[in-house]
PDB file of N, CA and C in Angstrom:
ATOM      1  N   MET A   1      87.426 148.391 146.536  1.00  0.00           N
ATOM      2  CA  MET A   1      88.579 147.615 146.194  1.00  0.00           C
ATOM      3  C   MET A   1      88.301 146.900 144.874  1.00  0.00           C
ATOM      4  N   ALA A   2      89.282 146.914 144.037  1.00  0.00           N
ATOM      5  CA  ALA A   2      89.142 146.297 142.711  1.00  0.00           C
ATOM      6  C   ALA A   2      89.404 144.803 142.804  1.00  0.00           C
ATOM      7  N   VAL A   3      88.710 144.042 141.958  1.00  0.00           N
ATOM      8  CA  VAL A   3      88.877 142.586 141.926  1.00  0.00           C
ATOM      9  C   VAL A   3      89.909 142.262 140.866  1.00  0.00           C
ATOM     10  N   GLN A   4      90.846 141.408 141.204  1.00  0.00           N
ATOM     11  CA  GLN A   4      91.893 140.990 140.273  1.00  0.00           C
ATOM     12  C   GLN A   4      91.445 139.709 139.567  1.00  0.00           C
ATOM     13  N   ALA A   5      91.965 139.506 138.397  1.00  0.00           N
ATOM     14  CA  ALA A   5      91.653 138.294 137.644  1.00  0.00           C
ATOM     15  C   ALA A   5      92.113 137.088 138.432  1.00  0.00           C
ATOM     16  N   GLY A   6      91.270 136.059 138.501  1.00  0.00           N
ATOM     17  CA  GLY A   6      91.607 134.837 139.192  1.00  0.00           C
ATOM     18  C   GLY A   6      91.212 134.838 140.668  1.00  0.00           C
ATOM     19  N   GLU A   7      90.805 135.998 141.228  1.00  0.00           N
ATOM     20  CA  GLU A   7      90.372 136.044 142.620  1.00  0.00           C
ATOM     21  C   GLU A   7      88.938 135.543 142.714  1.00  0.00           C
ATOM     22  N   GLU A   8      88.586 135.107 143.903  1.00  0.00           N
ATOM     23  CA  GLU A   8      87.220 134.658 144.136  1.00  0.00           C
ATOM     24  C   GLU A   8      86.440 135.797 144.755  1.00  0.00           C
ATOM     25  N   VAL A   9      85.233 136.014 144.227  1.00  0.00           N
ATOM     26  CA  VAL A   9      84.334 137.007 144.804  1.00  0.00           C
ATOM     27  C   VAL A   9      83.106 136.240 145.237  1.00  0.00           C
ATOM     28  N   GLU A  10      82.852 136.226 146.501  1.00  0.00           N
ATOM     29  CA  GLU A  10      81.726 135.515 147.095  1.00  0.00           C
ATOM     30  C   GLU A  10      81.698 134.061 146.631  1.00  0.00           C
ATOM     31  N   GLY A  11      82.874 133.396 146.624  1.00  0.00           N
ATOM     32  CA  GLY A  11      82.972 131.981 146.305  1.00  0.00           C
ATOM     33  C   GLY A  11      82.963 131.662 144.821  1.00  0.00           C
ATOM     34  N   VAL A  12      82.900 132.699 143.964  1.00  0.00           N
ATOM     35  CA  VAL A  12      82.882 132.475 142.518  1.00  0.00           C
ATOM     36  C   VAL A  12      84.165 133.046 141.937  1.00  0.00           C
ATOM     37  N   PRO A  13      84.969 132.181 141.269  1.00  0.00           N
ATOM     38  CA  PRO A  13      86.217 132.720 140.714  1.00  0.00           C
ATOM     39  C   PRO A  13      85.934 133.675 139.550  1.00  0.00           C
ATOM     40  N   THR A  14      86.725 134.711 139.436  1.00  0.00           N
ATOM     41  CA  THR A  14      86.585 135.634 138.306  1.00  0.00           C
ATOM     42  C   THR A  14      87.352 135.049 137.122  1.00  0.00           C
ATOM     43  N   PRO A  15      86.814 135.196 135.925  1.00  0.00           N
ATOM     44  CA  PRO A  15      87.511 134.618 134.767  1.00  0.00           C
ATOM     45  C   PRO A  15      88.823 135.326 134.495  1.00  0.00           C
ATOM     46  N   THR A  16      89.782 134.527 134.042  1.00  0.00           N
ATOM     47  CA  THR A  16      91.058 135.076 133.645  1.00  0.00           C
ATOM     48  C   THR A  16      90.962 135.434 132.180  1.00  0.00           C
ATOM     49  N   PRO A  17      91.212 136.666 131.823  1.00  0.00           N
ATOM     50  CA  PRO A  17      91.103 137.039 130.401  1.00  0.00           C
ATOM     51  C   PRO A  17      92.195 136.340 129.576  1.00  0.00           C
ATOM     52  N   THR A  18      91.836 135.976 128.392  1.00  0.00           N
ATOM     53  CA  THR A  18      92.809 135.366 127.481  1.00  0.00           C
ATOM     54  C   THR A  18      92.933 136.243 126.246  1.00  0.00           C
ATOM     55  N   LEU A  19      94.094 136.219 125.676  1.00  0.00           N
ATOM     56  CA  LEU A  19      94.306 136.979 124.459  1.00  0.00           C
ATOM     57  C   LEU A  19      93.828 136.140 123.288  1.00  0.00           C
ATOM     58  N   SER A  20      93.015 136.720 122.482  1.00  0.00           N
ATOM     59  CA  SER A  20      92.572 135.971 121.298  1.00  0.00           C
ATOM     60  C   SER A  20      93.653 136.098 120.231  1.00  0.00           C
ATOM     61  N   THR A  21      93.778 135.035 119.447  1.00  0.00           N
ATOM     62  CA  THR A  21      94.791 135.072 118.399  1.00  0.00           C
ATOM     63  C   THR A  21      94.169 135.648 117.140  1.00  0.00           C
ATOM     64  N   ILE A  22      94.948 136.430 116.505  1.00  0.00           N
ATOM     65  CA  ILE A  22      94.508 137.029 115.245  1.00  0.00           C
ATOM     66  C   ILE A  22      94.875 136.053 114.131  1.00  0.00           C
ATOM     67  N   PRO A  23      93.930 135.729 113.246  1.00  0.00           N
ATOM     68  CA  PRO A  23      94.270 134.787 112.174  1.00  0.00           C
ATOM     69  C   PRO A  23      95.384 135.352 111.299  1.00  0.00           C
ATOM     70  N   PRO A  24      96.235 134.449 110.795  1.00  0.00           N
ATOM     71  CA  PRO A  24      97.342 134.927 109.961  1.00  0.00           C
ATOM     72  C   PRO A  24      96.817 135.568 108.674  1.00  0.00           C
ATOM     73  N   THR A  25      97.588 136.492 108.202  1.00  0.00           N
ATOM     74  CA  THR A  25      97.246 137.146 106.947  1.00  0.00           C
ATOM     75  C   THR A  25      97.459 136.153 105.806  1.00  0.00           C
ATOM     76  N   GLN A  26      96.476 136.042 104.922  1.00  0.00           N
ATOM     77  CA  GLN A  26      96.611 135.116 103.802  1.00  0.00           C
ATOM     78  C   GLN A  26      97.642 135.635 102.816  1.00  0.00           C
ATOM     79  N   THR A  27      98.389 134.665 102.258  1.00  0.00           N
ATOM     80  CA  THR A  27      99.370 135.012 101.235  1.00  0.00           C
ATOM     81  C   THR A  27      98.617 135.243  99.931  1.00  0.00           C
ATOM     82  N   PRO A  28      98.845 136.346  99.283  1.00  0.00           N
ATOM     83  CA  PRO A  28      98.117 136.594  98.034  1.00  0.00           C
ATOM     84  C   PRO A  28      98.499 135.571  96.959  1.00  0.00           C
ATOM     85  N   THR A  29      97.506 135.165  96.201  1.00  0.00           N
ATOM     86  CA  THR A  29      97.723 134.227  95.099  1.00  0.00           C
ATOM     87  C   THR A  29      97.975 135.031  93.834  1.00  0.00           C
ATOM     88  N   PRO A  30      99.076 134.744  93.136  1.00  0.00           N
ATOM     89  CA  PRO A  30      99.340 135.512  91.914  1.00  0.00           C
ATOM     90  C   PRO A  30      98.268 135.233  90.858  1.00  0.00           C
ATOM     91  N   THR A  31      97.904 136.265  90.161  1.00  0.00           N
ATOM     92  CA  THR A  31      96.935 136.137  89.071  1.00  0.00           C
ATOM     93  C   THR A  31      97.705 135.899  87.784  1.00  0.00           C
ATOM     94  N   PRO A  32      97.370 134.796  87.049  1.00  0.00           N
ATOM     95  CA  PRO A  32      98.100 134.543  85.808  1.00  0.00           C
ATOM     96  C   PRO A  32      97.854 135.652  84.784  1.00  0.00           C
ATOM     97  N   ASP A  33      98.893 135.946  84.047  1.00  0.00           N
ATOM     98  CA  ASP A  33      98.787 136.941  82.982  1.00  0.00           C
ATOM     99  C   ASP A  33      98.084 136.305  81.793  1.00  0.00           C
ATOM    100  N   PRO A  34      96.904 136.807  81.427  1.00  0.00           N
ATOM    101  CA  PRO A  34      96.168 136.190  80.303  1.00  0.00           C
ATOM    102  C   PRO A  34      96.894 136.324  78.967  1.00  0.00           C
ATOM    103  N   ASN A  35      97.901 137.200  78.906  1.00  0.00           N
ATOM    104  CA  ASN A  35      98.631 137.377  77.648  1.00  0.00           C
ATOM    105  C   ASN A  35      99.787 136.395  77.495  1.00  0.00           C
ATOM    106  N   GLU A  36     100.130 135.691  78.607  1.00  0.00           N
ATOM    107  CA  GLU A  36     101.204 134.705  78.522  1.00  0.00           C
ATOM    108  C   GLU A  36     100.673 133.427  77.894  1.00  0.00           C
ATOM    109  N   PRO A  37     101.429 132.841  76.973  1.00  0.00           N
ATOM    110  CA  PRO A  37     100.953 131.590  76.367  1.00  0.00           C
ATOM    111  C   PRO A  37     100.983 130.449  77.378  1.00  0.00           C
ATOM    112  N   THR A  38     100.044 129.542  77.241  1.00  0.00           N
ATOM    113  CA  THR A  38      99.986 128.363  78.103  1.00  0.00           C
ATOM    114  C   THR A  38     100.934 127.311  77.553  1.00  0.00           C
ATOM    115  N   VAL A  39     101.736 126.743  78.440  1.00  0.00           N
ATOM    116  CA  VAL A  39     102.682 125.713  78.021  1.00  0.00           C
ATOM    117  C   VAL A  39     101.917 124.404  77.862  1.00  0.00           C
ATOM    118  N   THR A  40     101.988 123.839  76.688  1.00  0.00           N
ATOM    119  CA  THR A  40     101.345 122.561  76.402  1.00  0.00           C
ATOM    120  C   THR A  40     102.439 121.555  76.103  1.00  0.00           C
ATOM    121  N   PRO A  41     102.487 120.459  76.873  1.00  0.00           N
ATOM    122  CA  PRO A  41     103.534 119.472  76.611  1.00  0.00           C
ATOM    123  C   PRO A  41     103.321 118.800  75.257  1.00  0.00           C
ATOM    124  N   THR A  42     104.421 118.523  74.593  1.00  0.00           N
ATOM    125  CA  THR A  42     104.355 117.832  73.320  1.00  0.00           C
ATOM    126  C   THR A  42     104.101 116.362  73.595  1.00  0.00           C
ATOM    127  N   PRO A  43     103.043 115.807  73.006  1.00  0.00           N
ATOM    128  CA  PRO A  43     102.773 114.393  73.274  1.00  0.00           C
ATOM    129  C   PRO A  43     103.871 113.509  72.679  1.00  0.00           C
ATOM    130  N   LEU A  44     104.171 112.445  73.383  1.00  0.00           N
ATOM    131  CA  LEU A  44     105.168 111.497  72.925  1.00  0.00           C
ATOM    132  C   LEU A  44     104.462 110.459  72.059  1.00  0.00           C
ATOM    133  N   ILE A  45     104.861 110.371  70.808  1.00  0.00           N
ATOM    134  CA  ILE A  45     104.309 109.367  69.913  1.00  0.00           C
ATOM    135  C   ILE A  45     105.294 108.210  69.885  1.00  0.00           C
ATOM    136  N   CYS A  46     104.841 107.083  70.367  1.00  0.00           N
ATOM    137  CA  CYS A  46     105.714 105.919  70.484  1.00  0.00           C
ATOM    138  C   CYS A  46     105.511 105.006  69.295  1.00  0.00           C
ATOM    139  N   ARG A  47     106.575 104.873  68.525  1.00  0.00           N
ATOM    140  CA  ARG A  47     106.531 104.022  67.343  1.00  0.00           C
ATOM    141  C   ARG A  47     107.360 102.774  67.576  1.00  0.00           C
ATOM    142  N   ALA A  48     106.946 101.719  66.925  1.00  0.00           N
ATOM    143  CA  ALA A  48     107.688 100.463  66.982  1.00  0.00           C
ATOM    144  C   ALA A  48     107.712  99.882  65.579  1.00  0.00           C
ATOM    145  N   VAL A  49     108.719  99.058  65.313  1.00  0.00           N
ATOM    146  CA  VAL A  49     108.887  98.422  64.009  1.00  0.00           C
ATOM    147  C   VAL A  49     108.699  96.916  64.189  1.00  0.00           C
ATOM    148  N   VAL A  50     107.918  96.320  63.284  1.00  0.00           N
ATOM    149  CA  VAL A  50     107.725  94.874  63.314  1.00  0.00           C
ATOM    150  C   VAL A  50     109.039  94.221  62.899  1.00  0.00           C
ATOM    151  N   GLN A  51     109.501  93.267  63.709  1.00  0.00           N
ATOM    152  CA  GLN A  51     110.763  92.581  63.396  1.00  0.00           C
ATOM    153  C   GLN A  51     110.737  91.173  63.978  1.00  0.00           C
ATOM    154  N   GLY A  52     111.570  90.311  63.428  1.00  0.00           N
ATOM    155  CA  GLY A  52     111.760  88.976  63.983  1.00  0.00           C
ATOM    156  C   GLY A  52     110.677  87.970  63.646  1.00  0.00           C
ATOM    157  N   THR A  53     109.885  88.237  62.618  1.00  0.00           N
ATOM    158  CA  THR A  53     108.823  87.290  62.271  1.00  0.00           C
ATOM    159  C   THR A  53     109.306  86.226  61.283  1.00  0.00           C
ATOM    160  N   GLY A  54     110.556  86.342  60.814  1.00  0.00           N
ATOM    161  CA  GLY A  54     111.081  85.385  59.848  1.00  0.00           C
ATOM    162  C   GLY A  54     110.349  85.429  58.518  1.00  0.00           C
ATOM    163  N   GLY A  55     109.804  86.594  58.205  1.00  0.00           N
ATOM    164  CA  GLY A  55     109.092  86.750  56.937  1.00  0.00           C
ATOM    165  C   GLY A  55     107.636  86.306  57.000  1.00  0.00           C
ATOM    166  N   SER A  56     107.196  85.770  58.130  1.00  0.00           N
ATOM    167  CA  SER A  56     105.812  85.300  58.259  1.00  0.00           C
ATOM    168  C   SER A  56     104.828  86.433  58.521  1.00  0.00           C
ATOM    169  N   GLY A  57     105.318  87.540  59.017  1.00  0.00           N
ATOM    170  CA  GLY A  57     104.439  88.652  59.362  1.00  0.00           C
ATOM    171  C   GLY A  57     103.933  88.523  60.790  1.00  0.00           C
ATOM    172  N   LEU A  58     103.275  89.550  61.245  1.00  0.00           N
ATOM    173  CA  LEU A  58     102.764  89.625  62.618  1.00  0.00           C
ATOM    174  C   LEU A  58     101.265  89.866  62.557  1.00  0.00           C
ATOM    175  N   ASN A  59     100.511  89.014  63.227  1.00  0.00           N
ATOM    176  CA  ASN A  59      99.056  89.158  63.238  1.00  0.00           C
ATOM    177  C   ASN A  59      98.635  90.292  64.149  1.00  0.00           C
ATOM    178  N   LEU A  60      97.873  91.231  63.596  1.00  0.00           N
ATOM    179  CA  LEU A  60      97.210  92.264  64.375  1.00  0.00           C
ATOM    180  C   LEU A  60      95.859  91.664  64.743  1.00  0.00           C
ATOM    181  N   ARG A  61      95.574  91.588  66.029  1.00  0.00           N
ATOM    182  CA  ARG A  61      94.380  90.877  66.482  1.00  0.00           C
ATOM    183  C   ARG A  61      93.380  91.809  67.160  1.00  0.00           C
ATOM    184  N   SER A  62      92.127  91.387  67.174  1.00  0.00           N
ATOM    185  CA  SER A  62      91.045  92.173  67.753  1.00  0.00           C
ATOM    186  C   SER A  62      91.183  92.303  69.268  1.00  0.00           C
ATOM    187  N   GLU A  63      91.805  91.336  69.897  1.00  0.00           N
ATOM    188  CA  GLU A  63      92.069  91.319  71.339  1.00  0.00           C
ATOM    189  C   GLU A  63      93.250  90.382  71.539  1.00  0.00           C
ATOM    190  N   PRO A  64      93.866  90.388  72.715  1.00  0.00           N
ATOM    191  CA  PRO A  64      95.000  89.489  72.924  1.00  0.00           C
ATOM    192  C   PRO A  64      94.624  88.036  72.601  1.00  0.00           C
ATOM    193  N   GLY A  65      95.300  87.455  71.618  1.00  0.00           N
ATOM    194  CA  GLY A  65      95.031  86.080  71.202  1.00  0.00           C
ATOM    195  C   GLY A  65      93.752  85.920  70.402  1.00  0.00           C
ATOM    196  N   GLY A  66      93.116  87.023  70.041  1.00  0.00           N
ATOM    197  CA  GLY A  66      91.817  86.989  69.356  1.00  0.00           C
ATOM    198  C   GLY A  66      91.927  86.825  67.849  1.00  0.00           C
ATOM    199  N   THR A  67      90.862  87.199  67.178  1.00  0.00           N
ATOM    200  CA  THR A  67      90.736  87.066  65.735  1.00  0.00           C
ATOM    201  C   THR A  67      91.711  87.991  65.007  1.00  0.00           C
ATOM    202  N   GLU A  68      92.308  87.473  63.927  1.00  0.00           N
ATOM    203  CA  GLU A  68      93.239  88.267  63.123  1.00  0.00           C
ATOM    204  C   GLU A  68      92.467  89.339  62.354  1.00  0.00           C
ATOM    205  N   ILE A  69      92.955  90.575  62.455  1.00  0.00           N
ATOM    206  CA  ILE A  69      92.361  91.700  61.731  1.00  0.00           C
ATOM    207  C   ILE A  69      93.165  91.986  60.467  1.00  0.00           C
ATOM    208  N   GLU A  70      94.479  91.949  60.636  1.00  0.00           N
ATOM    209  CA  GLU A  70      95.377  92.357  59.557  1.00  0.00           C
ATOM    210  C   GLU A  70      96.716  91.650  59.764  1.00  0.00           C
ATOM    211  N   LEU A  71      97.440  91.415  58.672  1.00  0.00           N
ATOM    212  CA  LEU A  71      98.779  90.823  58.764  1.00  0.00           C
ATOM    213  C   LEU A  71      99.797  91.922  58.524  1.00  0.00           C
ATOM    214  N   LEU A  72     100.629  92.174  59.526  1.00  0.00           N
ATOM    215  CA  LEU A  72     101.674  93.185  59.413  1.00  0.00           C
ATOM    216  C   LEU A  72     102.949  92.521  58.919  1.00  0.00           C
ATOM    217  N   GLN A  73     103.660  93.216  58.062  1.00  0.00           N
ATOM    218  CA  GLN A  73     104.893  92.686  57.476  1.00  0.00           C
ATOM    219  C   GLN A  73     106.108  93.188  58.244  1.00  0.00           C
ATOM    220  N   GLU A  74     107.242  92.483  58.052  1.00  0.00           N
ATOM    221  CA  GLU A  74     108.508  92.940  58.625  1.00  0.00           C
ATOM    222  C   GLU A  74     108.724  94.400  58.219  1.00  0.00           C
ATOM    223  N   GLN A  75     109.202  95.189  59.154  1.00  0.00           N
ATOM    224  CA  GLN A  75     109.524  96.605  58.978  1.00  0.00           C
ATOM    225  C   GLN A  75     108.298  97.514  58.936  1.00  0.00           C
ATOM    226  N   ASP A  76     107.071  96.979  59.068  1.00  0.00           N
ATOM    227  CA  ASP A  76     105.896  97.848  59.197  1.00  0.00           C
ATOM    228  C   ASP A  76     106.027  98.638  60.488  1.00  0.00           C
ATOM    229  N   ILE A  77     105.490  99.834  60.477  1.00  0.00           N
ATOM    230  CA  ILE A  77     105.553 100.707  61.656  1.00  0.00           C
ATOM    231  C   ILE A  77     104.181 100.735  62.315  1.00  0.00           C
ATOM    232  N   VAL A  78     104.191 100.630  63.647  1.00  0.00           N
ATOM    233  CA  VAL A  78     102.958 100.755  64.436  1.00  0.00           C
ATOM    234  C   VAL A  78     103.192 101.782  65.536  1.00  0.00           C
ATOM    235  N   ASN A  79     102.117 102.373  66.017  1.00  0.00           N
ATOM    236  CA  ASN A  79     102.178 103.307  67.138  1.00  0.00           C
ATOM    237  C   ASN A  79     101.608 102.613  68.365  1.00  0.00           C
ATOM    238  N   LEU A  80     102.349 102.644  69.461  1.00  0.00           N
ATOM    239  CA  LEU A  80     101.830 102.110  70.716  1.00  0.00           C
ATOM    240  C   LEU A  80     100.751 103.059  71.222  1.00  0.00           C
ATOM    241  N   ILE A  81      99.671 102.507  71.721  1.00  0.00           N
ATOM    242  CA  ILE A  81      98.587 103.344  72.227  1.00  0.00           C
ATOM    243  C   ILE A  81      98.893 103.689  73.685  1.00  0.00           C
ATOM    244  N   ALA A  82      99.125 104.982  73.923  1.00  0.00           N
ATOM    245  CA  ALA A  82      99.488 105.467  75.255  1.00  0.00           C
ATOM    246  C   ALA A  82      98.369 105.178  76.250  1.00  0.00           C
ATOM    247  N   GLY A  83      98.771 104.759  77.430  1.00  0.00           N
ATOM    248  CA  GLY A  83      97.812 104.514  78.496  1.00  0.00           C
ATOM    249  C   GLY A  83      97.188 103.126  78.461  1.00  0.00           C
ATOM    250  N   SER A  84      97.429 102.377  77.382  1.00  0.00           N
ATOM    251  CA  SER A  84      96.879 101.027  77.347  1.00  0.00           C
ATOM    252  C   SER A  84      97.721 100.127  78.242  1.00  0.00           C
ATOM    253  N   THR A  85      97.124  99.102  78.746  1.00  0.00           N
ATOM    254  CA  THR A  85      97.819  98.185  79.638  1.00  0.00           C
ATOM    255  C   THR A  85      98.154  96.907  78.902  1.00  0.00           C
ATOM    256  N   PRO A  86      99.436  96.521  78.865  1.00  0.00           N
ATOM    257  CA  PRO A  86      99.790  95.244  78.249  1.00  0.00           C
ATOM    258  C   PRO A  86      99.070  94.095  78.956  1.00  0.00           C
ATOM    259  N   VAL A  87      98.807  93.051  78.211  1.00  0.00           N
ATOM    260  CA  VAL A  87      98.082  91.903  78.743  1.00  0.00           C
ATOM    261  C   VAL A  87      98.932  90.648  78.572  1.00  0.00           C
ATOM    262  N   GLN A  88      99.043  89.850  79.632  1.00  0.00           N
ATOM    263  CA  GLN A  88      99.731  88.563  79.570  1.00  0.00           C
ATOM    264  C   GLN A  88      98.689  87.504  79.235  1.00  0.00           C
ATOM    265  N   SER A  89      98.905  86.769  78.151  1.00  0.00           N
ATOM    266  CA  SER A  89      97.979  85.705  77.771  1.00  0.00           C
ATOM    267  C   SER A  89      98.730  84.668  76.948  1.00  0.00           C
ATOM    268  N   GLY A  90      98.591  83.410  77.314  1.00  0.00           N
ATOM    269  CA  GLY A  90      99.224  82.336  76.565  1.00  0.00           C
ATOM    270  C   GLY A  90     100.731  82.445  76.501  1.00  0.00           C
ATOM    271  N   GLY A  91     101.356  82.966  77.548  1.00  0.00           N
ATOM    272  CA  GLY A  91     102.810  83.102  77.572  1.00  0.00           C
ATOM    273  C   GLY A  91     103.326  84.266  76.739  1.00  0.00           C
ATOM    274  N   THR A  92     102.439  85.126  76.286  1.00  0.00           N
ATOM    275  CA  THR A  92     102.814  86.262  75.443  1.00  0.00           C
ATOM    276  C   THR A  92     102.357  87.561  76.098  1.00  0.00           C
ATOM    277  N   THR A  93     103.168  88.605  75.946  1.00  0.00           N
ATOM    278  CA  THR A  93     102.751  89.939  76.368  1.00  0.00           C
ATOM    279  C   THR A  93     102.178  90.640  75.141  1.00  0.00           C
ATOM    280  N   TRP A  94     100.923  91.020  75.234  1.00  0.00           N
ATOM    281  CA  TRP A  94     100.224  91.683  74.134  1.00  0.00           C
ATOM    282  C   TRP A  94     100.142  93.177  74.413  1.00  0.00           C
ATOM    283  N   VAL A  95     100.396  93.991  73.382  1.00  0.00           N
ATOM    284  CA  VAL A  95     100.270  95.446  73.506  1.00  0.00           C
ATOM    285  C   VAL A  95      99.309  95.954  72.446  1.00  0.00           C
ATOM    286  N   GLN A  96      98.617  97.011  72.800  1.00  0.00           N
ATOM    287  CA  GLN A  96      97.657  97.603  71.874  1.00  0.00           C
ATOM    288  C   GLN A  96      98.377  98.621  71.004  1.00  0.00           C
ATOM    289  N   VAL A  97      98.141  98.519  69.694  1.00  0.00           N
ATOM    290  CA  VAL A  97      98.823  99.389  68.725  1.00  0.00           C
ATOM    291  C   VAL A  97      97.829  99.909  67.688  1.00  0.00           C
ATOM    292  N   ARG A  98      98.304 100.904  66.940  1.00  0.00           N
ATOM    293  CA  ARG A  98      97.565 101.438  65.783  1.00  0.00           C
ATOM    294  C   ARG A  98      98.543 101.409  64.620  1.00  0.00           C
ATOM    295  N   THR A  99      98.108 100.848  63.480  1.00  0.00           N
ATOM    296  CA  THR A  99      99.009 100.782  62.332  1.00  0.00           C
ATOM    297  C   THR A  99      99.211 102.175  61.769  1.00  0.00           C
ATOM    298  N   ALA A 100     100.411 102.419  61.268  1.00  0.00           N
ATOM    299  CA  ALA A 100     100.757 103.751  60.766  1.00  0.00           C
ATOM    300  C   ALA A 100     100.051 104.070  59.453  1.00  0.00           C
ATOM    301  N   ILE A 101      99.818 103.068  58.624  1.00  0.00           N
ATOM    302  CA  ILE A 101      99.238 103.338  57.302  1.00  0.00           C
ATOM    303  C   ILE A 101      97.712 103.283  57.323  1.00  0.00           C
ATOM    304  N   THR A 102      97.146 102.185  57.790  1.00  0.00           N
ATOM    305  CA  THR A 102      95.685 102.042  57.743  1.00  0.00           C
ATOM    306  C   THR A 102      94.991 102.585  58.986  1.00  0.00           C
ATOM    307  N   ARG A 103      95.768 102.903  60.034  1.00  0.00           N
ATOM    308  CA  ARG A 103      95.254 103.424  61.306  1.00  0.00           C
ATOM    309  C   ARG A 103      94.327 102.432  62.006  1.00  0.00           C
ATOM    310  N   THR A 104      94.521 101.149  61.711  1.00  0.00           N
ATOM    311  CA  THR A 104      93.737 100.100  62.342  1.00  0.00           C
ATOM    312  C   THR A 104      94.290  99.820  63.732  1.00  0.00           C
ATOM    313  N   GLU A 105      93.402  99.712  64.726  1.00  0.00           N
ATOM    314  CA  GLU A 105      93.830  99.413  66.087  1.00  0.00           C
ATOM    315  C   GLU A 105      93.626  97.947  66.391  1.00  0.00           C
ATOM    316  N   GLY A 106      94.567  97.379  67.142  1.00  0.00           N
ATOM    317  CA  GLY A 106      94.478  96.002  67.555  1.00  0.00           C
ATOM    318  C   GLY A 106      95.604  95.653  68.499  1.00  0.00           C
ATOM    319  N   TRP A 107      95.809  94.345  68.699  1.00  0.00           N
ATOM    320  CA  TRP A 107      96.794  93.840  69.652  1.00  0.00           C
ATOM    321  C   TRP A 107      97.828  92.998  68.935  1.00  0.00           C
ATOM    322  N   VAL A 108      99.099  93.151  69.331  1.00  0.00           N
ATOM    323  CA  VAL A 108     100.191  92.352  68.773  1.00  0.00           C
ATOM    324  C   VAL A 108     101.084  91.872  69.913  1.00  0.00           C
ATOM    325  N   SER A 109     101.884  90.857  69.615  1.00  0.00           N
ATOM    326  CA  SER A 109     102.845  90.345  70.585  1.00  0.00           C
ATOM    327  C   SER A 109     104.019  91.314  70.688  1.00  0.00           C
ATOM    328  N   LEU A 110     104.347  91.681  71.916  1.00  0.00           N
ATOM    329  CA  LEU A 110     105.473  92.590  72.167  1.00  0.00           C
ATOM    330  C   LEU A 110     106.786  91.970  71.707  1.00  0.00           C
ATOM    331  N   ASP A 111     106.852  90.631  71.639  1.00  0.00           N
ATOM    332  CA  ASP A 111     108.082  89.940  71.246  1.00  0.00           C
ATOM    333  C   ASP A 111     108.535  90.293  69.827  1.00  0.00           C
ATOM    334  N   PHE A 112     107.628  90.773  68.991  1.00  0.00           N
ATOM    335  CA  PHE A 112     107.957  91.035  67.594  1.00  0.00           C
ATOM    336  C   PHE A 112     107.981  92.527  67.267  1.00  0.00           C
ATOM    337  N   LEU A 113     108.217  93.348  68.291  1.00  0.00           N
ATOM    338  CA  LEU A 113     108.308  94.794  68.076  1.00  0.00           C
ATOM    339  C   LEU A 113     109.674  95.293  68.511  1.00  0.00           C
ATOM    340  N   LEU A 114     110.267  96.147  67.692  1.00  0.00           N
ATOM    341  CA  LEU A 114     111.492  96.851  68.055  1.00  0.00           C
ATOM    342  C   LEU A 114     111.068  98.249  68.481  1.00  0.00           C
ATOM    343  N   ILE A 115     111.306  98.563  69.751  1.00  0.00           N
ATOM    344  CA  ILE A 115     110.960  99.881  70.291  1.00  0.00           C
ATOM    345  C   ILE A 115     112.272 100.561  70.623  1.00  0.00           C
ATOM    346  N   GLU A 116     112.657 101.540  69.815  1.00  0.00           N
ATOM    347  CA  GLU A 116     113.957 102.182  70.009  1.00  0.00           C
ATOM    348  C   GLU A 116     113.973 103.106  71.219  1.00  0.00           C
ATOM    349  N   ASP A 117     112.892 103.861  71.444  1.00  0.00           N
ATOM    350  CA  ASP A 117     112.839 104.789  72.567  1.00  0.00           C
ATOM    351  C   ASP A 117     112.229 104.058  73.762  1.00  0.00           C
ATOM    352  N   GLN A 118     113.083 103.628  74.681  1.00  0.00           N
ATOM    353  CA  GLN A 118     112.611 102.839  75.816  1.00  0.00           C
ATOM    354  C   GLN A 118     111.680 103.623  76.741  1.00  0.00           C
ATOM    355  N   SER A 119     111.709 104.955  76.660  1.00  0.00           N
ATOM    356  CA  SER A 119     110.762 105.731  77.482  1.00  0.00           C
ATOM    357  C   SER A 119     109.329 105.496  77.015  1.00  0.00           C
ATOM    358  N   CYS A 120     109.179 104.973  75.807  1.00  0.00           N
ATOM    359  CA  CYS A 120     107.843 104.645  75.308  1.00  0.00           C
ATOM    360  C   CYS A 120     107.209 103.532  76.141  1.00  0.00           C
ATOM    361  N   LEU A 121     108.026 102.672  76.691  1.00  0.00           N
ATOM    362  CA  LEU A 121     107.467 101.612  77.522  1.00  0.00           C
ATOM    363  C   LEU A 121     106.833 102.180  78.777  1.00  0.00           C
ATOM    364  N   ASP A 122     107.256 103.380  79.188  1.00  0.00           N
ATOM    365  CA  ASP A 122     106.640 104.032  80.331  1.00  0.00           C
ATOM    366  C   ASP A 122     105.269 104.594  79.959  1.00  0.00           C
ATOM    367  N   GLU A 123     105.065 104.861  78.674  1.00  0.00           N
ATOM    368  CA  GLU A 123     103.796 105.402  78.206  1.00  0.00           C
ATOM    369  C   GLU A 123     102.672 104.380  78.285  1.00  0.00           C
ATOM    370  N   ILE A 124     103.044 103.115  78.157  1.00  0.00           N
ATOM    371  CA  ILE A 124     102.065 102.065  78.380  1.00  0.00           C
ATOM    372  C   ILE A 124     102.325 101.532  79.774  1.00  0.00           C
ATOM    373  N   GLN A 125     101.355 101.047  80.442  1.00  0.00           N
ATOM    374  CA  GLN A 125     101.526 100.595  81.813  1.00  0.00           C
ATOM    375  C   GLN A 125     102.123  99.210  81.834  1.00  0.00           C
ATOM    376  N   ALA A 126     103.000  98.987  82.794  1.00  0.00           N
ATOM    377  CA  ALA A 126     103.666  97.684  82.916  1.00  0.00           C
ATOM    378  C   ALA A 126     102.634  96.592  83.172  1.00  0.00           C
ATOM    379  N   PRO A 127     102.873  95.419  82.590  1.00  0.00           N
ATOM    380  CA  PRO A 127     101.910  94.324  82.781  1.00  0.00           C
ATOM    381  C   PRO A 127     101.892  93.825  84.208  1.00  0.00           C
TER     382      PRO A 127
END
């Protein structure tokens, strides 16, 4: 007589067979075409114009509220440094910039900059 799955033979239950699961077939990963050009995003260059100084100019400083490096004049152009974090100090928001002509880097008060492209403010981190 044949023993069925789950029956006891001499007090020992026979194992019930289980179906093993077959692992799913992996989805193939597409191989990039080496002849296709790689898309490179165009970096956003954020420029600002010095304004509202009443002809006194704007001090470019070594650090927020620090030593004066250079005096920027009304209508001078500066580039905001992407990824820099504005700093609150002495009631002023300071941003890091690079002058367009001398390429000097330093900090200026945000109050005296005209930034036409407001998406540039996203390029620097909010204070």
